Amino acid sequence: MTFAKENEMSDENEELKKQLALFKEQVSKAKKETKKLKEVNTKLQDEVDSLWSMLDEMTQTDIESWAKMAKDLQSDTVTKALMVSKKADA
């Protein structure tokens, strides 16, 4: 091999080594970013789960409140009906 070809191959090898080093650095950064994003995702998932739990509790409370109001309304209606019928009987 001539000196020129050896020098050219050496330059190509150096360029490939630089590109490989750059690629490894980018992979390392991507792994770190992925780790951070997974941590953020976990925190957000916890918040979502907590919000769903709160919504379920609120829904249950609403159901109980509406059931109580319906029962109270029914009792009031029956009481008023009895009062009207007693007045009519008197």
PDB file of N, CA and C in Angstrom:
ATOM      1  N   MET A   1       0.830  -1.168   0.000  1.00  0.00           N
ATOM      2  CA  MET A   1       0.000   0.000   0.000  1.00  0.00           C
ATOM      3  C   MET A   1       0.883   1.243   0.000  1.00  0.00           C
ATOM      4  N   THR A   2       0.411   2.218  -0.683  1.00  0.00           N
ATOM      5  CA  THR A   2       1.189   3.452  -0.731  1.00  0.00           C
ATOM      6  C   THR A   2       0.889   4.290   0.498  1.00  0.00           C
ATOM      7  N   PHE A   3       1.774   5.192   0.715  1.00  0.00           N
ATOM      8  CA  PHE A   3       1.633   6.066   1.874  1.00  0.00           C
ATOM      9  C   PHE A   3       0.343   6.885   1.786  1.00  0.00           C
ATOM     10  N   ALA A   4      -0.027   7.327   0.607  1.00  0.00           N
ATOM     11  CA  ALA A   4      -1.229   8.143   0.408  1.00  0.00           C
ATOM     12  C   ALA A   4      -2.473   7.355   0.775  1.00  0.00           C
ATOM     13  N   LYS A   5      -2.524   6.062   0.340  1.00  0.00           N
ATOM     14  CA  LYS A   5      -3.689   5.235   0.646  1.00  0.00           C
ATOM     15  C   LYS A   5      -3.766   4.941   2.143  1.00  0.00           C
ATOM     16  N   GLU A   6      -2.632   4.673   2.743  1.00  0.00           N
ATOM     17  CA  GLU A   6      -2.613   4.413   4.182  1.00  0.00           C
ATOM     18  C   GLU A   6      -3.073   5.652   4.954  1.00  0.00           C
ATOM     19  N   ASN A   7      -2.609   6.799   4.501  1.00  0.00           N
ATOM     20  CA  ASN A   7      -2.983   8.052   5.148  1.00  0.00           C
ATOM     21  C   ASN A   7      -4.488   8.305   4.978  1.00  0.00           C
ATOM     22  N   GLU A   8      -5.022   8.015   3.792  1.00  0.00           N
ATOM     23  CA  GLU A   8      -6.449   8.186   3.509  1.00  0.00           C
ATOM     24  C   GLU A   8      -7.273   7.248   4.387  1.00  0.00           C
ATOM     25  N   MET A   9      -6.840   5.986   4.523  1.00  0.00           N
ATOM     26  CA  MET A   9      -7.552   5.021   5.353  1.00  0.00           C
ATOM     27  C   MET A   9      -7.496   5.443   6.822  1.00  0.00           C
ATOM     28  N   SER A  10      -6.355   5.974   7.222  1.00  0.00           N
ATOM     29  CA  SER A  10      -6.202   6.440   8.596  1.00  0.00           C
ATOM     30  C   SER A  10      -7.162   7.594   8.876  1.00  0.00           C
ATOM     31  N   ASP A  11      -7.278   8.502   7.900  1.00  0.00           N
ATOM     32  CA  ASP A  11      -8.207   9.629   8.040  1.00  0.00           C
ATOM     33  C   ASP A  11      -9.647   9.129   8.128  1.00  0.00           C
ATOM     34  N   GLU A  12     -10.003   8.139   7.294  1.00  0.00           N
ATOM     35  CA  GLU A  12     -11.347   7.569   7.318  1.00  0.00           C
ATOM     36  C   GLU A  12     -11.612   6.882   8.667  1.00  0.00           C
ATOM     37  N   ASN A  13     -10.605   6.166   9.168  1.00  0.00           N
ATOM     38  CA  ASN A  13     -10.745   5.515  10.467  1.00  0.00           C
ATOM     39  C   ASN A  13     -10.967   6.545  11.582  1.00  0.00           C
ATOM     40  N   GLU A  14     -10.205   7.622  11.520  1.00  0.00           N
ATOM     41  CA  GLU A  14     -10.350   8.669  12.530  1.00  0.00           C
ATOM     42  C   GLU A  14     -11.748   9.293  12.454  1.00  0.00           C
ATOM     43  N   GLU A  15     -12.215   9.519  11.228  1.00  0.00           N
ATOM     44  CA  GLU A  15     -13.556  10.087  11.047  1.00  0.00           C
ATOM     45  C   GLU A  15     -14.615   9.124  11.586  1.00  0.00           C
ATOM     46  N   LEU A  16     -14.444   7.839  11.286  1.00  0.00           N
ATOM     47  CA  LEU A  16     -15.386   6.844  11.801  1.00  0.00           C
ATOM     48  C   LEU A  16     -15.343   6.785  13.333  1.00  0.00           C
ATOM     49  N   LYS A  17     -14.164   6.893  13.903  1.00  0.00           N
ATOM     50  CA  LYS A  17     -14.031   6.893  15.362  1.00  0.00           C
ATOM     51  C   LYS A  17     -14.729   8.106  15.974  1.00  0.00           C
ATOM     52  N   LYS A  18     -14.603   9.268  15.320  1.00  0.00           N
ATOM     53  CA  LYS A  18     -15.272  10.471  15.805  1.00  0.00           C
ATOM     54  C   LYS A  18     -16.790  10.313  15.723  1.00  0.00           C
ATOM     55  N   GLN A  19     -17.259   9.775  14.596  1.00  0.00           N
ATOM     56  CA  GLN A  19     -18.696   9.565  14.428  1.00  0.00           C
ATOM     57  C   GLN A  19     -19.228   8.546  15.443  1.00  0.00           C
ATOM     58  N   LEU A  20     -18.439   7.502  15.681  1.00  0.00           N
ATOM     59  CA  LEU A  20     -18.826   6.492  16.658  1.00  0.00           C
ATOM     60  C   LEU A  20     -18.888   7.104  18.059  1.00  0.00           C
ATOM     61  N   ALA A  21     -17.923   7.918  18.407  1.00  0.00           N
ATOM     62  CA  ALA A  21     -17.914   8.583  19.715  1.00  0.00           C
ATOM     63  C   ALA A  21     -19.120   9.506  19.849  1.00  0.00           C
ATOM     64  N   LEU A  22     -19.410  10.233  18.790  1.00  0.00           N
ATOM     65  CA  LEU A  22     -20.576  11.122  18.794  1.00  0.00           C
ATOM     66  C   LEU A  22     -21.861  10.323  18.953  1.00  0.00           C
ATOM     67  N   PHE A  23     -21.951   9.230  18.227  1.00  0.00           N
ATOM     68  CA  PHE A  23     -23.129   8.362  18.312  1.00  0.00           C
ATOM     69  C   PHE A  23     -23.296   7.807  19.729  1.00  0.00           C
ATOM     70  N   LYS A  24     -22.188   7.365  20.330  1.00  0.00           N
ATOM     71  CA  LYS A  24     -22.252   6.839  21.698  1.00  0.00           C
ATOM     72  C   LYS A  24     -22.712   7.914  22.675  1.00  0.00           C
ATOM     73  N   GLU A  25     -22.242   9.134  22.462  1.00  0.00           N
ATOM     74  CA  GLU A  25     -22.658  10.253  23.314  1.00  0.00           C
ATOM     75  C   GLU A  25     -24.153  10.516  23.161  1.00  0.00           C
ATOM     76  N   GLN A  26     -24.635  10.482  21.926  1.00  0.00           N
ATOM     77  CA  GLN A  26     -26.058  10.695  21.681  1.00  0.00           C
ATOM     78  C   GLN A  26     -26.902   9.577  22.303  1.00  0.00           C
ATOM     79  N   VAL A  27     -26.433   8.348  22.214  1.00  0.00           N
ATOM     80  CA  VAL A  27     -27.140   7.222  22.824  1.00  0.00           C
ATOM     81  C   VAL A  27     -27.188   7.399  24.337  1.00  0.00           C
ATOM     82  N   SER A  28     -26.077   7.811  24.914  1.00  0.00           N
ATOM     83  CA  SER A  28     -26.018   8.039  26.358  1.00  0.00           C
ATOM     84  C   SER A  28     -27.013   9.125  26.780  1.00  0.00           C
ATOM     85  N   LYS A  29     -27.048  10.229  26.037  1.00  0.00           N
ATOM     86  CA  LYS A  29     -27.992  11.301  26.335  1.00  0.00           C
ATOM     87  C   LYS A  29     -29.434  10.816  26.186  1.00  0.00           C
ATOM     88  N   ALA A  30     -29.682  10.033  25.149  1.00  0.00           N
ATOM     89  CA  ALA A  30     -31.031   9.509  24.929  1.00  0.00           C
ATOM     90  C   ALA A  30     -31.457   8.591  26.075  1.00  0.00           C
ATOM     91  N   LYS A  31     -30.534   7.777  26.565  1.00  0.00           N
ATOM     92  CA  LYS A  31     -30.851   6.894  27.692  1.00  0.00           C
ATOM     93  C   LYS A  31     -31.181   7.707  28.940  1.00  0.00           C
ATOM     94  N   LYS A  32     -30.399   8.772  29.197  1.00  0.00           N
ATOM     95  CA  LYS A  32     -30.666   9.632  30.358  1.00  0.00           C
ATOM     96  C   LYS A  32     -32.020  10.310  30.224  1.00  0.00           C
ATOM     97  N   GLU A  33     -32.309  10.801  29.041  1.00  0.00           N
ATOM     98  CA  GLU A  33     -33.593  11.466  28.799  1.00  0.00           C
ATOM     99  C   GLU A  33     -34.745  10.472  28.956  1.00  0.00           C
ATOM    100  N   THR A  34     -34.556   9.266  28.461  1.00  0.00           N
ATOM    101  CA  THR A  34     -35.579   8.235  28.604  1.00  0.00           C
ATOM    102  C   THR A  34     -35.841   7.931  30.069  1.00  0.00           C
ATOM    103  N   LYS A  35     -34.779   7.860  30.852  1.00  0.00           N
ATOM    104  CA  LYS A  35     -34.918   7.602  32.289  1.00  0.00           C
ATOM    105  C   LYS A  35     -35.715   8.725  32.952  1.00  0.00           C
ATOM    106  N   LYS A  36     -35.379   9.977  32.618  1.00  0.00           N
ATOM    107  CA  LYS A  36     -36.100  11.116  33.179  1.00  0.00           C
ATOM    108  C   LYS A  36     -37.577  11.078  32.789  1.00  0.00           C
ATOM    109  N   LEU A  37     -37.830  10.780  31.512  1.00  0.00           N
ATOM    110  CA  LEU A  37     -39.210  10.742  31.036  1.00  0.00           C
ATOM    111  C   LEU A  37     -40.003   9.622  31.706  1.00  0.00           C
ATOM    112  N   LYS A  38     -39.356   8.499  31.961  1.00  0.00           N
ATOM    113  CA  LYS A  38     -40.042   7.406  32.663  1.00  0.00           C
ATOM    114  C   LYS A  38     -40.410   7.826  34.077  1.00  0.00           C
ATOM    115  N   GLU A  39     -39.506   8.560  34.745  1.00  0.00           N
ATOM    116  CA  GLU A  39     -39.791   9.051  36.096  1.00  0.00           C
ATOM    117  C   GLU A  39     -40.961  10.030  36.079  1.00  0.00           C
ATOM    118  N   VAL A  40     -40.950  10.947  35.112  1.00  0.00           N
ATOM    119  CA  VAL A  40     -42.045  11.909  34.986  1.00  0.00           C
ATOM    120  C   VAL A  40     -43.350  11.172  34.690  1.00  0.00           C
ATOM    121  N   ASN A  41     -43.280  10.190  33.806  1.00  0.00           N
ATOM    122  CA  ASN A  41     -44.462   9.413  33.451  1.00  0.00           C
ATOM    123  C   ASN A  41     -45.032   8.705  34.677  1.00  0.00           C
ATOM    124  N   THR A  42     -44.161   8.151  35.500  1.00  0.00           N
ATOM    125  CA  THR A  42     -44.607   7.470  36.715  1.00  0.00           C
ATOM    126  C   THR A  42     -45.316   8.448  37.653  1.00  0.00           C
ATOM    127  N   LYS A  43     -44.727   9.642  37.825  1.00  0.00           N
ATOM    128  CA  LYS A  43     -45.358  10.651  38.678  1.00  0.00           C
ATOM    129  C   LYS A  43     -46.718  11.067  38.127  1.00  0.00           C
ATOM    130  N   LEU A  44     -46.771  11.288  36.827  1.00  0.00           N
ATOM    131  CA  LEU A  44     -48.038  11.695  36.217  1.00  0.00           C
ATOM    132  C   LEU A  44     -49.085  10.587  36.323  1.00  0.00           C
ATOM    133  N   GLN A  45     -48.656   9.345  36.176  1.00  0.00           N
ATOM    134  CA  GLN A  45     -49.589   8.220  36.302  1.00  0.00           C
ATOM    135  C   GLN A  45     -50.146   8.162  37.716  1.00  0.00           C
ATOM    136  N   ASP A  46     -49.300   8.420  38.719  1.00  0.00           N
ATOM    137  CA  ASP A  46     -49.764   8.462  40.112  1.00  0.00           C
ATOM    138  C   ASP A  46     -50.815   9.556  40.297  1.00  0.00           C
ATOM    139  N   GLU A  47     -50.560  10.717  39.686  1.00  0.00           N
ATOM    140  CA  GLU A  47     -51.512  11.818  39.787  1.00  0.00           C
ATOM    141  C   GLU A  47     -52.828  11.463  39.112  1.00  0.00           C
ATOM    142  N   VAL A  48     -52.757  10.837  37.952  1.00  0.00           N
ATOM    143  CA  VAL A  48     -53.970  10.424  37.240  1.00  0.00           C
ATOM    144  C   VAL A  48     -54.764   9.435  38.089  1.00  0.00           C
ATOM    145  N   ASP A  49     -54.069   8.458  38.658  1.00  0.00           N
ATOM    146  CA  ASP A  49     -54.744   7.472  39.505  1.00  0.00           C
ATOM    147  C   ASP A  49     -55.417   8.150  40.698  1.00  0.00           C
ATOM    148  N   SER A  50     -54.721   9.118  41.282  1.00  0.00           N
ATOM    149  CA  SER A  50     -55.271   9.847  42.420  1.00  0.00           C
ATOM    150  C   SER A  50     -56.515  10.640  42.002  1.00  0.00           C
ATOM    151  N   LEU A  51     -56.451  11.280  40.846  1.00  0.00           N
ATOM    152  CA  LEU A  51     -57.597  12.051  40.360  1.00  0.00           C
ATOM    153  C   LEU A  51     -58.793  11.154  40.064  1.00  0.00           C
ATOM    154  N   TRP A  52     -58.539   9.992  39.480  1.00  0.00           N
ATOM    155  CA  TRP A  52     -59.642   9.055  39.226  1.00  0.00           C
ATOM    156  C   TRP A  52     -60.271   8.607  40.534  1.00  0.00           C
ATOM    157  N   SER A  53     -59.439   8.378  41.533  1.00  0.00           N
ATOM    158  CA  SER A  53     -59.938   7.975  42.844  1.00  0.00           C
ATOM    159  C   SER A  53     -60.813   9.081  43.448  1.00  0.00           C
ATOM    160  N   MET A  54     -60.327  10.319  43.343  1.00  0.00           N
ATOM    161  CA  MET A  54     -61.116  11.446  43.844  1.00  0.00           C
ATOM    162  C   MET A  54     -62.437  11.565  43.096  1.00  0.00           C
ATOM    163  N   LEU A  55     -62.409  11.396  41.794  1.00  0.00           N
ATOM    164  CA  LEU A  55     -63.626  11.476  40.991  1.00  0.00           C
ATOM    165  C   LEU A  55     -64.611  10.385  41.393  1.00  0.00           C
ATOM    166  N   ASP A  56     -64.106   9.179  41.628  1.00  0.00           N
ATOM    167  CA  ASP A  56     -64.968   8.086  42.077  1.00  0.00           C
ATOM    168  C   ASP A  56     -65.624   8.421  43.412  1.00  0.00           C
ATOM    169  N   GLU A  57     -64.839   8.989  44.338  1.00  0.00           N
ATOM    170  CA  GLU A  57     -65.388   9.374  45.637  1.00  0.00           C
ATOM    171  C   GLU A  57     -66.453  10.454  45.481  1.00  0.00           C
ATOM    172  N   MET A  58     -66.176  11.445  44.615  1.00  0.00           N
ATOM    173  CA  MET A  58     -67.147  12.513  44.395  1.00  0.00           C
ATOM    174  C   MET A  58     -68.427  11.962  43.776  1.00  0.00           C
ATOM    175  N   THR A  59     -68.281  11.047  42.845  1.00  0.00           N
ATOM    176  CA  THR A  59     -69.445  10.451  42.200  1.00  0.00           C
ATOM    177  C   THR A  59     -70.275   9.687  43.224  1.00  0.00           C
ATOM    178  N   GLN A  60     -69.614   8.918  44.078  1.00  0.00           N
ATOM    179  CA  GLN A  60     -70.316   8.162  45.110  1.00  0.00           C
ATOM    180  C   GLN A  60     -71.038   9.110  46.063  1.00  0.00           C
ATOM    181  N   THR A  61     -70.370  10.198  46.431  1.00  0.00           N
ATOM    182  CA  THR A  61     -70.984  11.181  47.315  1.00  0.00           C
ATOM    183  C   THR A  61     -72.195  11.819  46.647  1.00  0.00           C
ATOM    184  N   ASP A  62     -72.079  12.137  45.349  1.00  0.00           N
ATOM    185  CA  ASP A  62     -73.208  12.707  44.616  1.00  0.00           C
ATOM    186  C   ASP A  62     -74.380  11.740  44.590  1.00  0.00           C
ATOM    187  N   ILE A  63     -74.102  10.473  44.358  1.00  0.00           N
ATOM    188  CA  ILE A  63     -75.167   9.467  44.322  1.00  0.00           C
ATOM    189  C   ILE A  63     -75.869   9.414  45.674  1.00  0.00           C
ATOM    190  N   GLU A  64     -75.083   9.406  46.739  1.00  0.00           N
ATOM    191  CA  GLU A  64     -75.659   9.363  48.085  1.00  0.00           C
ATOM    192  C   GLU A  64     -76.469  10.626  48.381  1.00  0.00           C
ATOM    193  N   SER A  65     -75.961  11.781  47.953  1.00  0.00           N
ATOM    194  CA  SER A  65     -76.673  13.046  48.191  1.00  0.00           C
ATOM    195  C   SER A  65     -78.000  13.074  47.444  1.00  0.00           C
ATOM    196  N   TRP A  66     -77.974  12.678  46.178  1.00  0.00           N
ATOM    197  CA  TRP A  66     -79.203  12.673  45.393  1.00  0.00           C
ATOM    198  C   TRP A  66     -80.209  11.659  45.942  1.00  0.00           C
ATOM    199  N   ALA A  67     -79.708  10.520  46.409  1.00  0.00           N
ATOM    200  CA  ALA A  67     -80.603   9.515  46.992  1.00  0.00           C
ATOM    201  C   ALA A  67     -81.263  10.066  48.252  1.00  0.00           C
ATOM    202  N   LYS A  68     -80.495  10.770  49.084  1.00  0.00           N
ATOM    203  CA  LYS A  68     -81.046  11.357  50.314  1.00  0.00           C
ATOM    204  C   LYS A  68     -82.068  12.434  49.968  1.00  0.00           C
ATOM    205  N   MET A  69     -81.752  13.272  48.982  1.00  0.00           N
ATOM    206  CA  MET A  69     -82.697  14.323  48.589  1.00  0.00           C
ATOM    207  C   MET A  69     -83.986  13.718  48.046  1.00  0.00           C
ATOM    208  N   ALA A  70     -83.870  12.652  47.265  1.00  0.00           N
ATOM    209  CA  ALA A  70     -85.066  11.999  46.733  1.00  0.00           C
ATOM    210  C   ALA A  70     -85.894  11.405  47.863  1.00  0.00           C
ATOM    211  N   LYS A  71     -85.240  10.811  48.831  1.00  0.00           N
ATOM    212  CA  LYS A  71     -85.954  10.221  49.980  1.00  0.00           C
ATOM    213  C   LYS A  71     -86.636  11.325  50.790  1.00  0.00           C
ATOM    214  N   ASP A  72     -85.910  12.424  51.031  1.00  0.00           N
ATOM    215  CA  ASP A  72     -86.492  13.548  51.775  1.00  0.00           C
ATOM    216  C   ASP A  72     -87.667  14.145  51.022  1.00  0.00           C
ATOM    217  N   LEU A  73     -87.538  14.279  49.719  1.00  0.00           N
ATOM    218  CA  LEU A  73     -88.615  14.817  48.904  1.00  0.00           C
ATOM    219  C   LEU A  73     -89.835  13.910  48.957  1.00  0.00           C
ATOM    220  N   GLN A  74     -89.588  12.616  48.897  1.00  0.00           N
ATOM    221  CA  GLN A  74     -90.690  11.657  48.971  1.00  0.00           C
ATOM    222  C   GLN A  74     -91.389  11.765  50.334  1.00  0.00           C
ATOM    223  N   SER A  75     -90.596  11.872  51.412  1.00  0.00           N
ATOM    224  CA  SER A  75     -91.176  12.013  52.759  1.00  0.00           C
ATOM    225  C   SER A  75     -91.989  13.298  52.863  1.00  0.00           C
ATOM    226  N   ASP A  76     -91.455  14.392  52.328  1.00  0.00           N
ATOM    227  CA  ASP A  76     -92.175  15.668  52.364  1.00  0.00           C
ATOM    228  C   ASP A  76     -93.475  15.584  51.572  1.00  0.00           C
ATOM    229  N   THR A  77     -93.418  14.932  50.435  1.00  0.00           N
ATOM    230  CA  THR A  77     -94.606  14.793  49.586  1.00  0.00           C
ATOM    231  C   THR A  77     -95.673  13.974  50.300  1.00  0.00           C
ATOM    232  N   VAL A  78     -95.266  12.889  50.919  1.00  0.00           N
ATOM    233  CA  VAL A  78     -96.220  12.052  51.651  1.00  0.00           C
ATOM    234  C   VAL A  78     -96.811  12.837  52.826  1.00  0.00           C
ATOM    235  N   THR A  79     -95.965  13.559  53.546  1.00  0.00           N
ATOM    236  CA  THR A  79     -96.438  14.356  54.688  1.00  0.00           C
ATOM    237  C   THR A  79     -97.441  15.408  54.232  1.00  0.00           C
ATOM    238  N   LYS A  80     -97.129  16.105  53.165  1.00  0.00           N
ATOM    239  CA  LYS A  80     -98.046  17.138  52.658  1.00  0.00           C
ATOM    240  C   LYS A  80     -99.352  16.521  52.179  1.00  0.00           C
ATOM    241  N   ALA A  81     -99.259  15.373  51.548  1.00  0.00           N
ATOM    242  CA  ALA A  81    -100.470  14.696  51.076  1.00  0.00           C
ATOM    243  C   ALA A  81    -101.345  14.304  52.259  1.00  0.00           C
ATOM    244  N   LEU A  82    -100.724  13.808  53.327  1.00  0.00           N
ATOM    245  CA  LEU A  82    -101.490  13.450  54.524  1.00  0.00           C
ATOM    246  C   LEU A  82    -102.121  14.680  55.160  1.00  0.00           C
ATOM    247  N   MET A  83    -101.374  15.786  55.179  1.00  0.00           N
ATOM    248  CA  MET A  83    -101.907  17.012  55.760  1.00  0.00           C
ATOM    249  C   MET A  83    -103.106  17.507  54.958  1.00  0.00           C
ATOM    250  N   VAL A  84    -103.020  17.430  53.647  1.00  0.00           N
ATOM    251  CA  VAL A  84    -104.110  17.867  52.787  1.00  0.00           C
ATOM    252  C   VAL A  84    -105.329  16.975  53.004  1.00  0.00           C
ATOM    253  N   SER A  85    -105.099  15.658  53.106  1.00  0.00           N
ATOM    254  CA  SER A  85    -106.229  14.740  53.273  1.00  0.00           C
ATOM    255  C   SER A  85    -106.862  14.907  54.649  1.00  0.00           C
ATOM    256  N   LYS A  86    -106.097  15.218  55.687  1.00  0.00           N
ATOM    257  CA  LYS A  86    -106.657  15.452  57.024  1.00  0.00           C
ATOM    258  C   LYS A  86    -107.461  16.740  57.041  1.00  0.00           C
ATOM    259  N   LYS A  87    -106.996  17.764  56.316  1.00  0.00           N
ATOM    260  CA  LYS A  87    -107.731  19.011  56.233  1.00  0.00           C
ATOM    261  C   LYS A  87    -109.061  18.778  55.524  1.00  0.00           C
ATOM    262  N   ALA A  88    -109.004  17.945  54.489  1.00  0.00           N
ATOM    263  CA  ALA A  88    -110.226  17.656  53.720  1.00  0.00           C
ATOM    264  C   ALA A  88    -111.211  16.876  54.570  1.00  0.00           C
ATOM    265  N   ASP A  89    -110.722  16.006  55.453  1.00  0.00           N
ATOM    266  CA  ASP A  89    -111.580  15.207  56.321  1.00  0.00           C
ATOM    267  C   ASP A  89    -112.194  16.073  57.430  1.00  0.00           C
ATOM    268  N   ALA A  90    -111.533  17.143  57.799  1.00  0.00           N
ATOM    269  CA  ALA A  90    -111.988  17.933  58.933  1.00  0.00           C
ATOM    270  C   ALA A  90    -113.132  18.820  58.627  1.00  0.00           C
TER     271      ALA A  90
END
